[in-house]
C-alpha atoms as a PDB file:
ATOM      1  CA  MET A   1     -46.908 -35.763  27.423  1.00  0.00           C
ATOM      2  CA  GLU A   2     -45.191 -32.547  27.293  1.00  0.00           C
ATOM      3  CA  SER A   3     -41.726 -31.565  28.494  1.00  0.00           C
ATOM      4  CA  ASP A   4     -41.246 -28.811  30.292  1.00  0.00           C
ATOM      5  CA  ASP A   5     -37.637 -29.071  29.371  1.00  0.00           C
ATOM      6  CA  TYR A   6     -36.362 -26.273  26.608  1.00  0.00           C
ATOM      7  CA  LYS A   7     -32.719 -26.599  26.623  1.00  0.00           C
ATOM      8  CA  ILE A   8     -31.342 -26.905  23.174  1.00  0.00           C
ATOM      9  CA  SER A   9     -27.797 -28.103  22.139  1.00  0.00           C
ATOM     10  CA  PHE A  10     -26.328 -27.038  18.880  1.00  0.00           C
ATOM     11  CA  PHE A  11     -23.429 -29.478  19.017  1.00  0.00           C
ATOM     12  CA  ARG A  12     -25.767 -32.503  21.011  1.00  0.00           C
ATOM     13  CA  PRO A  13     -28.863 -32.531  18.920  1.00  0.00           C
ATOM     14  CA  THR A  14     -31.454 -34.225  20.037  1.00  0.00           C
ATOM     15  CA  THR A  15     -34.016 -34.370  17.009  1.00  0.00           C
ATOM     16  CA  GLN A  16     -32.862 -35.116  13.324  1.00  0.00           C
ATOM     17  CA  ARG A  17     -33.762 -32.092  12.079  1.00  0.00           C
ATOM     18  CA  ALA A  18     -31.631 -30.455  14.607  1.00  0.00           C
ATOM     19  CA  LEU A  19     -28.669 -32.558  13.322  1.00  0.00           C
ATOM     20  CA  VAL A  20     -28.757 -31.907  10.008  1.00  0.00           C
ATOM     21  CA  ASN A  21     -29.163 -28.060  10.778  1.00  0.00           C
ATOM     22  CA  ARG A  22     -25.877 -29.013  12.807  1.00  0.00           C
ATOM     23  CA  ASN A  23     -22.979 -30.918  10.445  1.00  0.00           C
ATOM     24  CA  LEU A  24     -24.677 -28.538   7.386  1.00  0.00           C
ATOM     25  CA  THR A  25     -23.572 -25.897   9.504  1.00  0.00           C
ATOM     26  CA  ILE A  26     -20.301 -27.203  10.302  1.00  0.00           C
ATOM     27  CA  LYS A  27     -19.697 -28.194   6.818  1.00  0.00           C
ATOM     28  CA  LEU A  28     -20.123 -24.786   4.818  1.00  0.00           C
ATOM     29  CA  PHE A  29     -18.472 -22.946   7.913  1.00  0.00           C
ATOM     30  CA  ILE A  30     -15.087 -25.121   7.266  1.00  0.00           C
ATOM     31  CA  VAL A  31     -16.183 -24.505   3.764  1.00  0.00           C
ATOM     32  CA  TRP A  32     -15.987 -20.157   4.374  1.00  0.00           C
ATOM     33  CA  ALA A  33     -12.533 -20.676   6.518  1.00  0.00           C
ATOM     34  CA  VAL A  34     -10.738 -22.751   3.770  1.00  0.00           C
ATOM     35  CA  SER A  35     -11.737 -20.168   1.494  1.00  0.00           C
ATOM     36  CA  ILE A  36     -10.594 -17.459   3.130  1.00  0.00           C
ATOM     37  CA  PHE A  37      -7.867 -18.446   5.115  1.00  0.00           C
ATOM     38  CA  GLY A  38      -6.374 -21.119   2.961  1.00  0.00           C
ATOM     39  CA  PHE A  39      -6.380 -18.748   0.266  1.00  0.00           C
ATOM     40  CA  GLN A  40      -3.855 -16.124   2.830  1.00  0.00           C
ATOM     41  CA  ILE A  41      -1.565 -18.940   3.580  1.00  0.00           C
ATOM     42  CA  LEU A  42      -1.251 -19.643  -0.217  1.00  0.00           C
ATOM     43  CA  LEU A  43      -0.070 -16.536  -0.118  1.00  0.00           C
ATOM     44  CA  LYS A  44       2.011 -16.512   2.011  1.00  0.00           C
ATOM     45  CA  ILE A  45       3.617 -20.023   0.640  1.00  0.00           C
ATOM     46  CA  PHE A  46       4.120 -19.205  -2.754  1.00  0.00           C
ATOM     47  CA  GLU A  47       4.900 -15.275  -2.050  1.00  0.00           C
ATOM     48  CA  LYS A  48       8.900 -13.655  -2.693  1.00  0.00           C
ATOM     49  CA  PRO A  49       9.627 -10.266  -2.001  1.00  0.00           C
ATOM     50  CA  VAL A  50      10.157  -8.232  -5.431  1.00  0.00           C
ATOM     51  CA  PRO A  51      11.669  -4.825  -5.773  1.00  0.00           C
ATOM     52  CA  GLU A  52      10.062  -2.617  -7.469  1.00  0.00           C
ATOM     53  CA  GLU A  53      12.265  -0.535 -10.950  1.00  0.00           C
ATOM     54  CA  ALA A  54      13.039   2.306  -9.127  1.00  0.00           C
ATOM     55  CA  LEU A  55      14.498   0.377  -6.580  1.00  0.00           C
ATOM     56  CA  VAL A  56      16.253  -2.099  -9.157  1.00  0.00           C
ATOM     57  CA  ARG A  57      17.410   1.087 -10.757  1.00  0.00           C
ATOM     58  CA  PHE A  58      18.625   3.057  -7.109  1.00  0.00           C
ATOM     59  CA  THR A  59      20.732   0.848  -5.775  1.00  0.00           C
ATOM     60  CA  PRO A  60      23.425   0.912  -7.970  1.00  0.00           C
ATOM     61  CA  ALA A  61      22.906   4.086  -8.172  1.00  0.00           C
ATOM     62  CA  TRP A  62      23.014   4.948  -4.581  1.00  0.00           C
ATOM     63  CA  ASN A  63      26.379   2.594  -4.261  1.00  0.00           C
ATOM     64  CA  ASN A  64      28.409   4.907  -6.726  1.00  0.00           C
ATOM     65  CA  VAL A  65      26.945   7.556  -4.665  1.00  0.00           C
ATOM     66  CA  ILE A  66      28.226   7.117  -1.380  1.00  0.00           C
ATOM     67  CA  THR A  67      31.761   5.720  -3.254  1.00  0.00           C
ATOM     68  CA  GLY A  68      32.160   8.707  -5.016  1.00  0.00           C
ATOM     69  CA  GLN A  69      32.243   7.493  -8.626  1.00  0.00           C
ATOM     70  CA  ALA A  70      28.443   9.247  -9.294  1.00  0.00           C
ATOM     71  CA  SER A  71      27.753  10.578 -12.557  1.00  0.00           C
ATOM     72  CA  GLU A  72      24.939  13.280 -13.094  1.00  0.00           C
ATOM     73  CA  LYS A  73      22.878  10.428 -13.881  1.00  0.00           C
ATOM     74  CA  ASP A  74      23.459   8.403 -10.753  1.00  0.00           C
ATOM     75  CA  PHE A  75      22.382  11.270  -9.038  1.00  0.00           C
ATOM     76  CA  GLN A  76      19.235  12.179 -10.579  1.00  0.00           C
ATOM     77  CA  ILE A  77      18.238   8.244 -10.845  1.00  0.00           C
ATOM     78  CA  ALA A  78      19.053   8.394  -6.528  1.00  0.00           C
ATOM     79  CA  GLY A  79      17.271  11.515  -6.631  1.00  0.00           C
ATOM     80  CA  GLN A  80      14.150  10.244  -8.495  1.00  0.00           C
ATOM     81  CA  SER A  81      13.708   6.577  -6.954  1.00  0.00           C
ATOM     82  CA  LEU A  82      13.795   8.669  -3.273  1.00  0.00           C
ATOM     83  CA  VAL A  83      11.092  11.699  -4.181  1.00  0.00           C
ATOM     84  CA  GLN A  84       9.208   8.257  -5.405  1.00  0.00           C
ATOM     85  CA  VAL A  85       9.252   6.914  -1.900  1.00  0.00           C
ATOM     86  CA  MET A  86       8.775  10.253  -0.533  1.00  0.00           C
ATOM     87  CA  GLY A  87       4.820  10.076  -2.081  1.00  0.00           C
ATOM     88  CA  LYS A  88       4.762   6.836   0.529  1.00  0.00           C
ATOM     89  CA  LEU A  89       1.549   7.592   3.698  1.00  0.00           C
ATOM     90  CA  THR A  90       3.060   5.137   6.004  1.00  0.00           C
ATOM     91  CA  LEU A  91       5.970   7.031   6.403  1.00  0.00           C
ATOM     92  CA  SER A  92       7.584   7.509   9.385  1.00  0.00           C
ATOM     93  CA  ARG A  93       8.912  11.486  10.540  1.00  0.00           C
ATOM     94  CA  ASP A  94      12.168  10.205  11.161  1.00  0.00           C
ATOM     95  CA  GLU A  95      12.096   8.226   7.695  1.00  0.00           C
ATOM     96  CA  PHE A  96      10.629  11.288   5.948  1.00  0.00           C
ATOM     97  CA  ALA A  97      13.578  13.480   6.917  1.00  0.00           C
ATOM     98  CA  ALA A  98      15.909  11.248   6.259  1.00  0.00           C
ATOM     99  CA  ILE A  99      14.227  11.305   2.506  1.00  0.00           C
ATOM    100  CA  GLN A 100      13.938  14.801   2.576  1.00  0.00           C
ATOM    101  CA  ASP A 101      17.864  15.250   3.449  1.00  0.00           C
ATOM    102  CA  GLY A 102      18.685  12.184   0.350  1.00  0.00           C
ATOM    103  CA  VAL A 103      16.701  14.185  -1.879  1.00  0.00           C
ATOM    104  CA  GLY A 104      18.339  17.715  -0.929  1.00  0.00           C
ATOM    105  CA  TRP A 105      21.631  15.940  -1.056  1.00  0.00           C
ATOM    106  CA  MET A 106      20.909  14.186  -4.760  1.00  0.00           C
ATOM    107  CA  LEU A 107      19.782  17.703  -5.826  1.00  0.00           C
ATOM    108  CA  ALA A 108      22.636  19.821  -4.336  1.00  0.00           C
ATOM    109  CA  ASN A 109      25.565  17.957  -6.635  1.00  0.00           C
ATOM    110  CA  VAL A 110      23.407  18.167 -10.080  1.00  0.00           C
ATOM    111  CA  TYR A 111      22.512  21.608  -9.244  1.00  0.00           C
ATOM    112  CA  PRO A 112      24.045  24.936 -10.360  1.00  0.00           C
ATOM    113  CA  GLU A 113      26.286  25.718  -7.831  1.00  0.00           C
ATOM    114  CA  ASP A 114      26.206  30.189  -8.373  1.00  0.00           C
ATOM    115  CA  GLU A 115      22.167  29.553  -8.517  1.00  0.00           C
ATOM    116  CA  LEU A 116      21.764  27.091  -5.266  1.00  0.00           C
ATOM    117  CA  SER A 117      21.387  29.564  -3.086  1.00  0.00           C
ATOM    118  CA  SER A 118      18.724  31.091  -4.677  1.00  0.00           C
ATOM    119  CA  LEU A 119      16.540  28.077  -5.226  1.00  0.00           C
ATOM    120  CA  GLN A 120      17.028  27.368  -1.304  1.00  0.00           C
ATOM    121  CA  GLN A 121      15.395  31.250  -1.150  1.00  0.00           C
ATOM    122  CA  ASP A 122      12.678  29.164  -2.989  1.00  0.00           C
ATOM    123  CA  VAL A 123      12.325  26.710  -0.698  1.00  0.00           C
ATOM    124  CA  ARG A 124      12.084  28.612   1.830  1.00  0.00           C
ATOM    125  CA  LYS A 125       9.739  30.534   0.843  1.00  0.00           C
ATOM    126  CA  VAL A 126       7.182  27.293   0.098  1.00  0.00           C
ATOM    127  CA  ASN A 127       8.103  26.187   3.241  1.00  0.00           C
ATOM    128  CA  SER A 128       7.027  29.391   5.345  1.00  0.00           C
ATOM    129  CA  LEU A 129       3.922  29.312   3.110  1.00  0.00           C
ATOM    130  CA  ARG A 130       3.060  25.910   3.821  1.00  0.00           C
ATOM    131  CA  GLU A 131       3.109  26.387   7.401  1.00  0.00           C
ATOM    132  CA  GLN A 132       0.536  29.260   7.250  1.00  0.00           C
ATOM    133  CA  ILE A 133      -1.948  28.483   4.699  1.00  0.00           C
ATOM    134  CA  THR A 134      -5.384  27.072   5.612  1.00  0.00           C
ATOM    135  CA  SER A 135      -5.711  25.688   1.917  1.00  0.00           C
ATOM    136  CA  LEU A 136      -3.492  23.579  -0.179  1.00  0.00           C
ATOM    137  CA  GLN A 137      -5.092  25.665  -2.998  1.00  0.00           C
ATOM    138  CA  ASP A 138      -3.693  28.928  -1.651  1.00  0.00           C
ATOM    139  CA  ILE A 139      -2.811  31.030  -5.107  1.00  0.00           C
ATOM    140  CA  GLU A 140       0.323  32.199  -3.641  1.00  0.00           C
ATOM    141  CA  TYR A 141       1.492  28.579  -2.334  1.00  0.00           C
ATOM    142  CA  LEU A 142       0.803  26.983  -5.907  1.00  0.00           C
ATOM    143  CA  ALA A 143       2.655  29.937  -7.682  1.00  0.00           C
ATOM    144  CA  ALA A 144       5.889  29.580  -5.135  1.00  0.00           C
ATOM    145  CA  LYS A 145       5.798  26.152  -5.423  1.00  0.00           C
ATOM    146  CA  GLU A 146       5.243  25.610  -9.465  1.00  0.00           C
ATOM    147  CA  VAL A 147       8.918  28.015  -9.575  1.00  0.00           C
ATOM    148  CA  VAL A 148      10.528  25.708  -6.998  1.00  0.00           C
ATOM    149  CA  ILE A 149       9.069  22.916  -9.934  1.00  0.00           C
ATOM    150  CA  THR A 150      10.509  24.983 -12.403  1.00  0.00           C
ATOM    151  CA  ARG A 151      13.941  25.229 -11.246  1.00  0.00           C
ATOM    152  CA  ALA A 152      14.564  21.918  -9.388  1.00  0.00           C
ATOM    153  CA  ALA A 153      12.623  19.076 -11.607  1.00  0.00           C
ATOM    154  CA  PRO A 154      14.565  19.361 -14.549  1.00  0.00           C
ATOM    155  CA  ALA A 155      18.230  19.027 -12.553  1.00  0.00           C
ATOM    156  CA  LEU A 156      16.803  15.823 -11.075  1.00  0.00           C
ATOM    157  CA  GLY A 157      15.397  14.550 -14.528  1.00  0.00           C
ATOM    158  CA  ILE A 158      12.017  15.080 -13.540  1.00  0.00           C
ATOM    159  CA  ASP A 159       9.165  15.979 -15.857  1.00  0.00           C
ATOM    160  CA  GLU A 160       7.524  19.096 -14.799  1.00  0.00           C
ATOM    161  CA  GLY A 161       3.992  17.807 -15.562  1.00  0.00           C
ATOM    162  CA  THR A 162       4.374  14.390 -13.657  1.00  0.00           C
ATOM    163  CA  LEU A 163       3.344  13.372  -9.787  1.00  0.00           C
ATOM    164  CA  LEU A 164       6.943  13.329  -9.439  1.00  0.00           C
ATOM    165  CA  ALA A 165       7.791  17.264  -9.926  1.00  0.00           C
ATOM    166  CA  GLN A 166       4.484  17.666  -6.981  1.00  0.00           C
ATOM    167  CA  LEU A 167       6.142  15.654  -4.805  1.00  0.00           C
ATOM    168  CA  LEU A 168       9.523  17.426  -4.828  1.00  0.00           C
ATOM    169  CA  PRO A 169       8.819  20.381  -3.355  1.00  0.00           C
ATOM    170  CA  LEU A 170       7.440  18.736   0.100  1.00  0.00           C
ATOM    171  CA  GLY A 171      10.938  16.373   0.133  1.00  0.00           C
ATOM    172  CA  LEU A 172      13.217  19.784   0.037  1.00  0.00           C
ATOM    173  CA  THR A 173      14.407  21.780   2.955  1.00  0.00           C
ATOM    174  CA  ASP A 174      16.693  25.294   2.453  1.00  0.00           C
ATOM    175  CA  ASP A 175      19.450  22.940   3.582  1.00  0.00           C
ATOM    176  CA  MET A 176      20.840  21.238   1.218  1.00  0.00           C
ATOM    177  CA  ALA A 177      24.952  21.806   1.698  1.00  0.00           C
ATOM    178  CA  GLY A 178      24.976  17.631   3.038  1.00  0.00           C
ATOM    179  CA  ILE A 179      23.444  15.083   4.325  1.00  0.00           C
ATOM    180  CA  ALA A 180      23.858  13.360   7.849  1.00  0.00           C
ATOM    181  CA  GLU A 181      25.994  10.395   8.286  1.00  0.00           C
ATOM    182  CA  GLU A 182      22.835   8.753  10.440  1.00  0.00           C
ATOM    183  CA  ASN A 183      20.361   9.318   6.953  1.00  0.00           C
ATOM    184  CA  LYS A 184      23.308   7.779   4.830  1.00  0.00           C
ATOM    185  CA  GLN A 185      23.047   4.602   6.493  1.00  0.00           C
ATOM    186  CA  LYS A 186      18.980   4.624   6.951  1.00  0.00           C
ATOM    187  CA  ILE A 187      17.672   5.387   2.915  1.00  0.00           C
ATOM    188  CA  PRO A 188      18.594   2.364   1.755  1.00  0.00           C
ATOM    189  CA  GLU A 189      17.036   0.353   4.456  1.00  0.00           C
ATOM    190  CA  ILE A 190      14.078   2.439   3.997  1.00  0.00           C
ATOM    191  CA  MET A 191      14.245   1.920   0.466  1.00  0.00           C
ATOM    192  CA  TYR A 192      13.858  -1.716   0.825  1.00  0.00           C
ATOM    193  CA  ILE A 193      10.901  -1.583   2.947  1.00  0.00           C
ATOM    194  CA  TYR A 194       8.532   0.660   0.737  1.00  0.00           C
ATOM    195  CA  MET A 195      10.029  -0.226  -2.507  1.00  0.00           C
ATOM    196  CA  THR A 196      10.028  -4.166  -1.831  1.00  0.00           C
ATOM    197  CA  HIS A 197       6.742  -6.265  -2.378  1.00  0.00           C
ATOM    198  CA  ASN A 198       5.786  -9.547  -1.880  1.00  0.00           C
ATOM    199  CA  ARG A 199       4.480 -11.503  -4.778  1.00  0.00           C
ATOM    200  CA  SER A 200       3.773 -14.194  -6.416  1.00  0.00           C
ATOM    201  CA  PHE A 201       1.770 -15.809  -9.646  1.00  0.00           C
ATOM    202  CA  LEU A 202      -1.248 -15.454  -7.333  1.00  0.00           C
ATOM    203  CA  THR A 203      -1.037 -11.858  -7.417  1.00  0.00           C
ATOM    204  CA  ASP A 204       0.896 -11.178 -10.631  1.00  0.00           C
ATOM    205  CA  THR A 205      -2.528 -13.245 -12.451  1.00  0.00           C
ATOM    206  CA  ILE A 206      -5.049 -11.081 -14.601  1.00  0.00           C
ATOM    207  CA  PHE A 207      -8.505 -12.416 -14.254  1.00  0.00           C
ATOM    208  CA  LEU A 208     -10.991 -10.545 -15.647  1.00  0.00           C
ATOM    209  CA  GLY A 209      -8.947  -7.771 -16.004  1.00  0.00           C
ATOM    210  CA  PHE A 210      -7.805  -7.885 -12.178  1.00  0.00           C
ATOM    211  CA  PRO A 211      -5.046  -9.012 -10.127  1.00  0.00           C
ATOM    212  CA  PHE A 212      -6.382 -12.697  -9.354  1.00  0.00           C
ATOM    213  CA  HIS A 213      -5.377 -12.100  -5.422  1.00  0.00           C
ATOM    214  CA  TYR A 214      -7.887  -8.524  -5.420  1.00  0.00           C
ATOM    215  CA  PHE A 215     -10.650 -10.446  -7.821  1.00  0.00           C
ATOM    216  CA  TYR A 216     -10.863 -13.895  -5.513  1.00  0.00           C
ATOM    217  CA  THR A 217     -10.850 -11.554  -2.260  1.00  0.00           C
ATOM    218  CA  ALA A 218     -12.967  -8.370  -3.119  1.00  0.00           C
ATOM    219  CA  VAL A 219     -15.579 -10.713  -5.574  1.00  0.00           C
ATOM    220  CA  PHE A 220     -15.428 -14.277  -5.479  1.00  0.00           C
ATOM    221  CA  LEU A 221     -15.303 -14.423  -1.792  1.00  0.00           C
ATOM    222  CA  LEU A 222     -17.888 -12.365  -1.278  1.00  0.00           C
ATOM    223  CA  ILE A 223     -20.180 -14.185  -4.421  1.00  0.00           C
ATOM    224  CA  LEU A 224     -18.989 -17.474  -2.327  1.00  0.00           C
ATOM    225  CA  PHE A 225     -20.734 -16.321   0.741  1.00  0.00           C
ATOM    226  CA  ILE A 226     -24.048 -15.009  -0.720  1.00  0.00           C
ATOM    227  CA  ALA A 227     -23.826 -19.062  -2.756  1.00  0.00           C
ATOM    228  CA  LEU A 228     -23.413 -20.494   0.733  1.00  0.00           C
ATOM    229  CA  CYS A 229     -26.281 -19.073   2.345  1.00  0.00           C
ATOM    230  CA  TRP A 230     -29.036 -19.576  -0.686  1.00  0.00           C
ATOM    231  CA  TYR A 231     -27.269 -23.415  -0.284  1.00  0.00           C
ATOM    232  CA  TYR A 232     -27.826 -23.550   3.081  1.00  0.00           C
ATOM    233  CA  CYS A 233     -31.659 -21.985   3.017  1.00  0.00           C
ATOM    234  CA  TYR A 234     -32.103 -24.653  -0.137  1.00  0.00           C
ATOM    235  CA  ARG A 235     -30.952 -27.593   2.283  1.00  0.00           C
ATOM    236  CA  ILE A 236     -33.009 -26.614   4.954  1.00  0.00           C
ATOM    237  CA  ASP A 237     -36.319 -26.365   3.163  1.00  0.00           C
ATOM    238  CA  ARG A 238     -35.687 -29.638   1.829  1.00  0.00           C
ATOM    239  CA  LEU A 239     -35.564 -31.610   5.150  1.00  0.00           C
ATOM    240  CA  HIS A 240     -38.414 -29.349   6.088  1.00  0.00           C
ATOM    241  CA  ALA A 241     -40.340 -31.161   3.357  1.00  0.00           C
ATOM    242  CA  ARG A 242     -38.962 -34.409   3.826  1.00  0.00           C
ATOM    243  CA  LEU A 243     -39.665 -34.343   7.371  1.00  0.00           C
ATOM    244  CA  ASN A 244     -42.944 -32.360   7.195  1.00  0.00           C
ATOM    245  CA  PHE A 245     -41.848 -29.827   9.431  1.00  0.00           C
ATOM    246  CA  MET A 246     -44.196 -26.866   9.718  1.00  0.00           C
ATOM    247  CA  GLU A 247     -43.266 -23.693  11.910  1.00  0.00           C
ATOM    248  CA  LYS A 248     -46.017 -22.011  13.738  1.00  0.00           C
ATOM    249  CA  THR A 249     -46.406 -18.477  12.138  1.00  0.00           C
ATOM    250  CA  ASP A 250     -49.182 -17.512  14.993  1.00  0.00           C
END
C-alpha cells in the first residue's frame, strides 16, 4: 500500500538510510566546527601581546623626550617609529593627526634651526600639490616630494631609499614649532595599539614556509573541507550498495 505522507525530518529519520545519513552529517559537522572554532579558541588561549621592535626602541626614547633628557639619537628613534606607524591604514583621522604632530616635533629637534623655515616651505609645497593633483605620479609632485625626502630623511636617520622615507612627507605639516599637549598623551597609546600583536607558538612556528596559523586556516582547512565532502560521498555510496538502494533517474 502506497503512502501519501512525504514528510521528511532530518532529526527524526524513519528509515535506516536516513538515520545513517543524519548521524554521518552530524559527525562531519562536528569535525568541521571543532577544526575551525577550536583552533580560534586555541589562538585566544595561548596568545600573548608582543611589541614590535620599533615599539621596544620607541618607549625609552619617547620617555627621554618627554622628560627633556633626549639626545639626538632619541629624537631620531622616536621619529622613525612614528613614521612607521603612520603607514598603518587603519589609523583614524585624529590618530593620524597626532602622529603627524609627533613626527614634526621630532624632526624640528634634530634639524638645523636656520634651515627649518626653508624645509617648512618645501613641505607646504608638497601638501599643496597633493591637494591639486589627480595622480600620485604627477611629475611636479614627485619632484617636490623628493626634495623633502632628501632634506628630512637623513635628519631622522632614515635611508632615502626605504619605504619609511617615502612615508615621511605624508607625516609632515608646515608647522613644526611644537606639539599639542593632548597629542603627547595620545601618542604612547596609539603606538601601543598599532605596534603590539598577539602571538604564540601557533603563529611563530613556520610550517612548509608559512606561519602555522596561516597554513592551517588558508590551506589545511580548505583541504579538510574537500576531504570531508569526499568522505561523505564515499560513505553514502557504501550505504547505498549495502541497502541495494537505487535512485530513480527518469
